Amino acid sequence: MLEGGRISNSQLIFMLLFTVLGTAYFFLPGISALFAGRDFWMCSALAALPSLLVILVIAKLHSFYPGLSIIQYSEKITGKAAGKVIGFLFAFWLVHTSSIIIQEFGEFMNIAFMPLTPTLVFAGVITALSGLAVYYGLEVVARAAEFLFPILLILALVLLGMAAVNIRYDMLTPFLSNGVMPVLAGSLASAAWKGEVVVAAMLFPFLNNPSQARNTGIYAVLLISLLLVLNSLEVAGVYGEEAKRLLFPVLNVARDINLLNFFQRMEAILLVAWIAGLFAKLTVFYYCAVLALAQWSGLTSYRPLVMPLGVLMIALGAHNYRNVTELSNFITLTWPFYGLSLELLLPGLLLLVAVLRKKKTV
């Protein structure tokens, strides 16, 4: 058996929270602001709808094929040949997204904190740490997320409280001064980021209480949306329209904190949150990627794939995105369509075929 571990529904919620927040918390406000201006905080709220739809689709598929992942039931729905193609596409998306996460970590650390250290060093360290957790199995990955999330939530709330004195209501107004279309455009990137909860299609089979898979996913999406809206409101309240000119606006918020002339430049807290959050996110994606490839290729263990896949992901990220500009352009312009096609369109088509096939057998 590839994975004998089990996770609780609350552990899955923590894993899904990290799946999105691990990078969206830091990158998404600036990207959404490019489209929506000062109204970018609305993008996170609107994007809750497609991400809820992702959960509803994969939860329905899980109810049709309990105990199976999306890699496994793709073959049952579409046949062996087409199922192999679909499984490979989803597995590739997991590997590719993992490489993007690794590169995001390296670029952020290089630009924001250690400009003299090569990005490859950061990529190697975070991949090795995540790979170690992945090697020891799903339960270790789940416990890491369960342990880290309360700590990071406290850090985020502390930063929000300290930055509150810099928030100005006039930075948020007038609402929708450029109409609703810029907000809808900005919501695409947010929707693709939140759509990463589709990794639950690999994790639902290992729940202790699989009958609550749908509700668990819904709770996770609602919590993600709430935290991202609060984060975006914080950035918008401090910088307003200027947020779109900042590469990492959350980092600027932390650096501009000056509370009682004593608590200043709190980016150290942000650094801790960034490293821990991205480690948890990468670990979830890394685990799902090796499990997906092992299921797709019919292996009896995923562990032989851990190290070679880690090397491949580092190389893929470094080759595809040679600098932060290329990475930012991909995330801003290409990722929304690329991400949603694998997160929502592909599972949606699988569900459609599954429903039609079930109707024929009735």
Protein backbone atom coordinates (compact mmCIF):
# COMPACT_ATOMS: atom_id res chain seq x y z
CA MET A 1 0.00 0.00 0.00
CA LEU A 2 1.39 3.41 -1.02
CA GLU A 3 0.13 5.26 2.09
CA GLY A 4 -1.20 3.67 5.26
CA GLY A 5 -1.51 6.85 7.27
CA ARG A 6 -4.76 8.56 8.23
CA ILE A 7 -5.48 12.21 8.99
CA SER A 8 -8.26 13.95 10.86
CA ASN A 9 -10.61 16.39 9.18
CA SER A 10 -9.15 19.26 11.20
CA GLN A 11 -5.65 18.34 10.01
CA LEU A 12 -6.87 18.49 6.43
CA ILE A 13 -8.22 21.99 7.08
CA PHE A 14 -4.79 23.09 8.31
CA MET A 15 -3.13 21.52 5.27
CA LEU A 16 -5.50 23.28 2.87
CA LEU A 17 -5.01 26.59 4.68
CA PHE A 18 -1.27 26.34 4.13
CA THR A 19 -1.81 25.16 0.56
CA VAL A 20 -3.16 28.60 -0.32
CA LEU A 21 -1.95 30.99 2.37
CA GLY A 22 1.66 29.83 2.26
CA THR A 23 2.31 32.08 -0.74
CA ALA A 24 -0.96 33.96 -1.41
CA TYR A 25 -0.65 35.87 1.87
CA PHE A 26 2.54 37.51 0.61
CA PHE A 27 2.13 37.72 -3.19
CA LEU A 28 -1.59 38.07 -3.86
CA PRO A 29 -2.27 41.64 -2.61
CA GLY A 30 0.27 43.14 -5.00
CA ILE A 31 -0.92 41.06 -7.95
CA SER A 32 -4.61 41.79 -7.38
CA ALA A 33 -3.84 45.50 -6.96
CA LEU A 34 -2.36 45.59 -10.47
CA PHE A 35 -5.86 44.98 -11.83
CA ALA A 36 -8.25 46.33 -9.21
CA GLY A 37 -6.35 49.26 -7.67
CA ARG A 38 -7.49 50.11 -4.14
CA ASP A 39 -10.43 47.71 -4.51
CA PHE A 40 -8.17 44.66 -4.65
CA TRP A 41 -9.39 43.49 -1.24
CA MET A 42 -12.72 42.64 -2.90
CA CYS A 43 -10.96 40.15 -5.20
CA SER A 44 -10.31 37.72 -2.36
CA ALA A 45 -13.97 37.80 -1.36
CA LEU A 46 -15.23 37.16 -4.90
CA ALA A 47 -12.70 34.39 -5.49
CA ALA A 48 -14.29 32.34 -2.72
CA LEU A 49 -17.04 31.30 -5.15
CA PRO A 50 -14.93 29.38 -7.71
CA SER A 51 -12.83 27.81 -4.95
CA LEU A 52 -16.02 26.60 -3.24
CA LEU A 53 -17.04 25.14 -6.59
CA VAL A 54 -13.71 23.28 -6.78
CA ILE A 55 -14.43 21.71 -3.38
CA LEU A 56 -17.98 20.76 -4.33
CA VAL A 57 -16.79 19.10 -7.55
CA ILE A 58 -14.00 17.02 -6.02
CA ALA A 59 -16.13 16.13 -2.99
CA LYS A 60 -18.82 14.78 -5.33
CA LEU A 61 -16.22 12.77 -7.23
CA HIS A 62 -14.96 11.44 -3.90
CA SER A 63 -18.49 10.34 -2.98
CA PHE A 64 -18.74 8.46 -6.29
CA TYR A 65 -15.34 6.80 -5.85
CA PRO A 66 -14.55 6.62 -2.10
CA GLY A 67 -11.05 5.59 -1.17
CA LEU A 68 -9.60 6.66 -4.53
CA SER A 69 -7.62 9.74 -5.50
CA ILE A 70 -8.18 11.77 -8.67
CA ILE A 71 -5.32 9.85 -10.32
CA GLN A 72 -7.05 6.55 -9.64
CA TYR A 73 -10.66 7.36 -10.46
CA SER A 74 -9.72 9.17 -13.67
CA GLU A 75 -9.09 5.74 -15.24
CA LYS A 76 -12.38 4.38 -13.93
CA ILE A 77 -14.30 7.33 -15.36
CA THR A 78 -12.67 7.74 -18.79
CA GLY A 79 -10.94 4.41 -19.40
CA LYS A 80 -7.32 3.40 -18.99
CA ALA A 81 -5.74 5.33 -21.88
CA ALA A 82 -7.58 8.65 -21.35
CA GLY A 83 -7.30 8.22 -17.58
CA LYS A 84 -3.52 7.90 -17.87
CA VAL A 85 -3.37 11.14 -19.84
CA ILE A 86 -5.55 12.97 -17.30
CA GLY A 87 -3.56 11.53 -14.41
CA PHE A 88 -0.30 12.64 -15.99
CA LEU A 89 -1.62 16.17 -16.55
CA PHE A 90 -2.65 16.48 -12.92
CA ALA A 91 0.60 14.98 -11.65
CA PHE A 92 2.59 17.35 -13.86
CA TRP A 93 0.60 20.29 -12.52
CA LEU A 94 1.50 19.26 -8.98
CA VAL A 95 5.20 18.98 -9.87
CA HIS A 96 5.20 22.25 -11.79
CA THR A 97 3.38 24.12 -9.04
CA SER A 98 5.86 22.76 -6.51
CA SER A 99 8.70 24.14 -8.64
CA ILE A 100 6.99 27.55 -8.66
CA ILE A 101 6.63 27.47 -4.87
CA ILE A 102 10.34 26.67 -4.50
CA GLN A 103 11.29 29.51 -6.83
CA GLU A 104 8.97 31.94 -5.03
CA PHE A 105 10.70 31.13 -1.77
CA GLY A 106 14.15 31.64 -3.24
CA GLU A 107 13.31 34.92 -4.95
CA PHE A 108 11.58 36.36 -1.88
CA MET A 109 14.46 35.48 0.43
CA ASN A 110 17.03 36.79 -2.05
CA ILE A 111 15.32 40.12 -2.70
CA ALA A 112 13.89 40.87 0.72
CA PHE A 113 16.49 39.57 3.16
CA MET A 114 19.69 38.07 1.72
CA PRO A 115 20.56 39.61 -1.67
CA LEU A 116 24.09 38.17 -1.71
CA THR A 117 22.94 34.57 -1.30
CA PRO A 118 22.09 32.69 -4.53
CA THR A 119 18.46 31.73 -4.98
CA LEU A 120 19.55 28.14 -5.55
CA VAL A 121 20.77 27.88 -1.96
CA PHE A 122 17.34 28.77 -0.55
CA ALA A 123 15.67 26.43 -3.05
CA GLY A 124 17.89 23.53 -2.00
CA VAL A 125 17.40 24.05 1.74
CA ILE A 126 13.60 24.34 1.67
CA THR A 127 13.25 21.38 -0.72
CA ALA A 128 15.48 19.18 1.45
CA LEU A 129 13.50 20.00 4.59
CA SER A 130 10.17 19.40 2.87
CA GLY A 131 11.46 16.21 1.26
CA LEU A 132 12.39 14.83 4.68
CA ALA A 133 8.84 15.38 5.96
CA VAL A 134 7.38 13.86 2.79
CA TYR A 135 9.59 10.79 3.09
CA TYR A 136 8.17 10.00 6.53
CA GLY A 137 4.60 10.07 5.27
CA LEU A 138 1.26 11.82 5.32
CA GLU A 139 0.81 11.83 9.07
CA VAL A 140 4.07 13.74 9.56
CA VAL A 141 3.01 16.29 6.93
CA ALA A 142 -0.38 16.70 8.63
CA ARG A 143 1.10 17.06 12.12
CA ALA A 144 3.55 19.70 10.88
CA ALA A 145 0.66 21.75 9.47
CA GLU A 146 -1.37 21.24 12.65
CA PHE A 147 1.53 22.42 14.81
CA LEU A 148 2.56 25.42 12.69
CA PHE A 149 -0.79 27.00 11.86
CA PRO A 150 -1.77 28.31 15.33
CA ILE A 151 1.69 29.84 15.72
CA LEU A 152 1.53 31.57 12.35
CA LEU A 153 -2.01 32.76 12.96
CA ILE A 154 -0.88 34.47 16.18
CA LEU A 155 2.05 36.09 14.34
CA ALA A 156 -0.27 37.33 11.58
CA LEU A 157 -2.72 38.80 14.09
CA VAL A 158 0.14 40.49 15.97
CA LEU A 159 1.33 42.12 12.74
CA LEU A 160 -2.23 43.15 11.88
CA GLY A 161 -2.67 44.73 15.29
CA MET A 162 0.63 46.62 15.09
CA ALA A 163 -0.09 47.85 11.57
CA ALA A 164 -3.62 48.96 12.49
CA VAL A 165 -2.39 52.41 13.52
CA ASN A 166 -1.21 53.00 9.94
CA ILE A 167 -4.53 52.05 8.34
CA ARG A 168 -6.54 54.94 6.92
CA TYR A 169 -10.13 54.60 5.76
CA ASP A 170 -9.65 57.19 3.02
CA MET A 171 -7.14 54.83 1.35
CA LEU A 172 -10.03 52.42 0.69
CA THR A 173 -12.41 54.94 -0.84
CA PRO A 174 -14.09 55.61 -3.18
CA PHE A 175 -15.25 52.06 -3.69
CA LEU A 176 -15.40 50.73 -7.26
CA SER A 177 -14.35 54.08 -8.72
CA ASN A 178 -13.27 52.28 -11.92
CA GLY A 179 -16.26 49.98 -12.05
CA VAL A 180 -16.58 46.28 -11.31
CA MET A 181 -14.59 44.89 -14.26
CA PRO A 182 -11.11 45.56 -12.78
CA VAL A 183 -12.18 43.72 -9.62
CA LEU A 184 -13.42 40.77 -11.67
CA ALA A 185 -10.11 40.71 -13.57
CA GLY A 186 -8.15 40.79 -10.32
CA SER A 187 -10.31 38.01 -8.93
CA LEU A 188 -8.98 35.57 -11.54
CA ALA A 189 -5.53 35.41 -9.94
CA SER A 190 -7.09 35.05 -6.50
CA ALA A 191 -9.43 32.33 -7.74
CA ALA A 192 -6.54 30.35 -9.25
CA TRP A 193 -4.61 30.65 -5.99
CA LYS A 194 -7.56 29.50 -3.89
CA GLY A 195 -8.25 26.78 -6.42
CA GLU A 196 -5.12 25.05 -5.16
CA VAL A 197 -7.43 23.42 -2.61
CA VAL A 198 -7.92 20.87 -5.40
CA VAL A 199 -5.01 18.99 -3.79
CA ALA A 200 -7.73 17.67 -1.47
CA ALA A 201 -8.60 15.32 -4.34
CA MET A 202 -5.38 13.48 -3.41
CA LEU A 203 -6.05 13.65 0.34
CA PHE A 204 -9.76 12.88 0.81
CA PRO A 205 -9.15 9.08 0.69
CA PHE A 206 -7.03 9.29 3.88
CA LEU A 207 -9.57 11.09 6.07
CA ASN A 208 -10.66 9.45 9.31
CA ASN A 209 -14.17 10.70 8.59
CA PRO A 210 -14.50 10.77 4.79
CA SER A 211 -18.25 11.42 4.94
CA GLN A 212 -17.43 14.97 6.07
CA ALA A 213 -14.99 15.64 3.22
CA ARG A 214 -17.20 18.27 1.57
CA ASN A 215 -17.87 20.21 4.78
CA THR A 216 -14.17 20.07 5.68
CA GLY A 217 -13.23 21.59 2.34
CA ILE A 218 -15.89 24.28 2.63
CA TYR A 219 -14.70 25.30 6.10
CA ALA A 220 -11.13 25.54 4.78
CA VAL A 221 -12.14 27.76 1.84
CA LEU A 222 -14.17 30.09 4.06
CA LEU A 223 -11.27 30.46 6.53
CA ILE A 224 -8.83 31.07 3.68
CA SER A 225 -11.10 33.74 2.22
CA LEU A 226 -11.55 35.48 5.57
CA LEU A 227 -7.81 35.61 6.26
CA LEU A 228 -6.98 36.83 2.75
CA VAL A 229 -9.64 39.55 2.89
CA LEU A 230 -8.27 40.77 6.25
CA ASN A 231 -4.74 40.71 4.85
CA SER A 232 -5.78 42.63 1.73
CA LEU A 233 -7.74 45.18 3.77
CA GLU A 234 -4.65 45.76 5.88
CA VAL A 235 -2.46 46.41 2.83
CA ALA A 236 -5.14 48.50 1.08
CA GLY A 237 -5.73 50.55 4.22
CA VAL A 238 -2.03 51.41 4.47
CA TYR A 239 -1.11 51.94 0.81
CA GLY A 240 -4.34 52.18 -1.18
CA GLU A 241 -3.66 52.57 -4.90
CA GLU A 242 0.11 52.52 -4.31
CA ALA A 243 0.01 48.81 -3.41
CA LYS A 244 0.20 47.91 -7.11
CA ARG A 245 3.69 49.48 -7.30
CA LEU A 246 5.05 47.27 -4.50
CA LEU A 247 6.52 43.85 -5.22
CA PHE A 248 5.86 42.53 -1.70
CA PRO A 249 3.36 44.92 -0.07
CA VAL A 250 2.95 42.79 3.07
CA LEU A 251 6.69 43.10 3.67
CA ASN A 252 6.41 46.89 3.34
CA VAL A 253 3.57 46.91 5.86
CA ALA A 254 5.80 45.09 8.37
CA ARG A 255 8.72 47.43 7.71
CA ASP A 256 6.60 50.55 8.18
CA ILE A 257 5.38 49.53 11.64
CA ASN A 258 6.41 52.04 14.30
CA LEU A 259 4.42 51.49 17.46
CA LEU A 260 5.27 53.81 20.35
CA ASN A 261 8.72 54.35 18.82
CA PHE A 262 9.65 50.96 20.26
CA PHE A 263 8.18 48.25 18.02
CA GLN A 264 9.71 49.04 14.65
CA ARG A 265 10.56 47.19 11.42
CA MET A 266 8.83 43.97 12.34
CA GLU A 267 9.86 42.10 9.19
CA ALA A 268 11.63 39.51 11.36
CA ILE A 269 8.19 38.22 12.39
CA LEU A 270 7.22 38.13 8.73
CA LEU A 271 10.38 36.18 7.89
CA VAL A 272 9.48 33.48 10.42
CA ALA A 273 5.93 33.30 9.07
CA TRP A 274 7.17 33.15 5.47
CA ILE A 275 9.64 30.30 6.05
CA ALA A 276 7.23 28.22 8.13
CA GLY A 277 4.22 28.87 5.88
CA LEU A 278 6.02 28.10 2.67
CA PHE A 279 7.61 24.98 4.16
CA ALA A 280 4.14 23.68 5.05
CA LYS A 281 2.72 24.56 1.62
CA LEU A 282 5.59 22.98 -0.30
CA THR A 283 5.40 19.86 1.86
CA VAL A 284 1.72 19.36 1.00
CA PHE A 285 2.31 19.84 -2.74
CA TYR A 286 5.50 17.77 -2.69
CA TYR A 287 3.71 14.90 -0.96
CA CYS A 288 0.76 15.02 -3.37
CA ALA A 289 3.15 15.12 -6.34
CA VAL A 290 5.15 12.03 -5.35
CA LEU A 291 1.98 10.16 -4.38
CA ALA A 292 0.33 11.06 -7.70
CA LEU A 293 3.33 9.91 -9.74
CA ALA A 294 3.60 6.69 -7.74
CA GLN A 295 -0.11 5.94 -8.27
CA TRP A 296 0.10 6.84 -11.94
CA SER A 297 3.12 4.60 -12.58
CA GLY A 298 1.86 1.71 -10.42
CA LEU A 299 4.69 1.77 -7.87
CA THR A 300 4.29 0.08 -4.51
CA SER A 301 6.06 2.93 -2.66
CA TYR A 302 6.43 6.63 -3.35
CA ARG A 303 9.63 7.02 -1.31
CA PRO A 304 12.08 6.23 -4.16
CA LEU A 305 10.63 9.26 -5.99
CA VAL A 306 11.19 11.79 -3.20
CA MET A 307 14.82 12.74 -3.85
CA PRO A 308 14.87 12.68 -7.68
CA LEU A 309 11.62 14.62 -7.83
CA GLY A 310 13.00 17.25 -5.44
CA VAL A 311 16.04 17.76 -7.70
CA LEU A 312 13.76 17.96 -10.74
CA MET A 313 11.54 20.60 -9.10
CA ILE A 314 14.52 22.78 -8.18
CA ALA A 315 15.89 22.54 -11.73
CA LEU A 316 12.48 23.18 -13.28
CA GLY A 317 11.92 26.33 -11.23
CA ALA A 318 15.41 27.70 -11.92
CA HIS A 319 15.14 26.98 -15.66
CA ASN A 320 11.64 28.38 -16.20
CA TYR A 321 11.99 31.54 -14.09
CA ARG A 322 15.47 33.05 -14.21
CA ASN A 323 14.51 36.12 -12.20
CA VAL A 324 11.65 37.56 -10.17
CA THR A 325 10.31 39.50 -13.18
CA GLU A 326 9.74 36.33 -15.21
CA LEU A 327 8.20 34.62 -12.20
CA SER A 328 5.91 37.58 -11.49
CA ASN A 329 4.79 37.81 -15.12
CA PHE A 330 3.90 34.12 -15.17
CA ILE A 331 1.95 34.30 -11.91
CA THR A 332 0.13 37.46 -12.98
CA LEU A 333 -0.71 36.72 -16.62
CA THR A 334 -0.54 32.96 -17.19
CA TRP A 335 -1.21 31.28 -13.85
CA PRO A 336 -4.90 32.28 -13.53
CA PHE A 337 -5.85 30.44 -16.74
CA TYR A 338 -3.35 27.61 -16.38
CA GLY A 339 -4.24 27.02 -12.75
CA LEU A 340 -8.01 27.10 -13.12
CA SER A 341 -7.90 24.73 -16.11
CA LEU A 342 -6.41 22.00 -13.88
CA GLU A 343 -8.14 23.02 -10.65
CA LEU A 344 -11.70 23.45 -11.88
CA LEU A 345 -12.10 22.60 -15.57
CA LEU A 346 -10.45 19.17 -15.47
CA PRO A 347 -12.28 17.90 -12.33
CA GLY A 348 -15.49 19.45 -13.67
CA LEU A 349 -15.22 17.47 -16.91
CA LEU A 350 -14.47 14.31 -14.95
CA LEU A 351 -17.59 14.86 -12.85
CA LEU A 352 -19.70 15.47 -15.96
CA VAL A 353 -18.54 12.21 -17.54
CA ALA A 354 -19.00 10.34 -14.25
CA VAL A 355 -22.59 11.58 -13.88
CA LEU A 356 -23.43 10.71 -17.49
CA ARG A 357 -21.99 7.22 -17.11
CA LYS A 358 -23.95 6.64 -13.90
CA LYS A 359 -27.16 7.73 -15.62
CA LYS A 360 -26.54 5.22 -18.40
CA THR A 361 -26.17 2.37 -15.92
CA VAL A 362 -29.44 3.22 -14.15
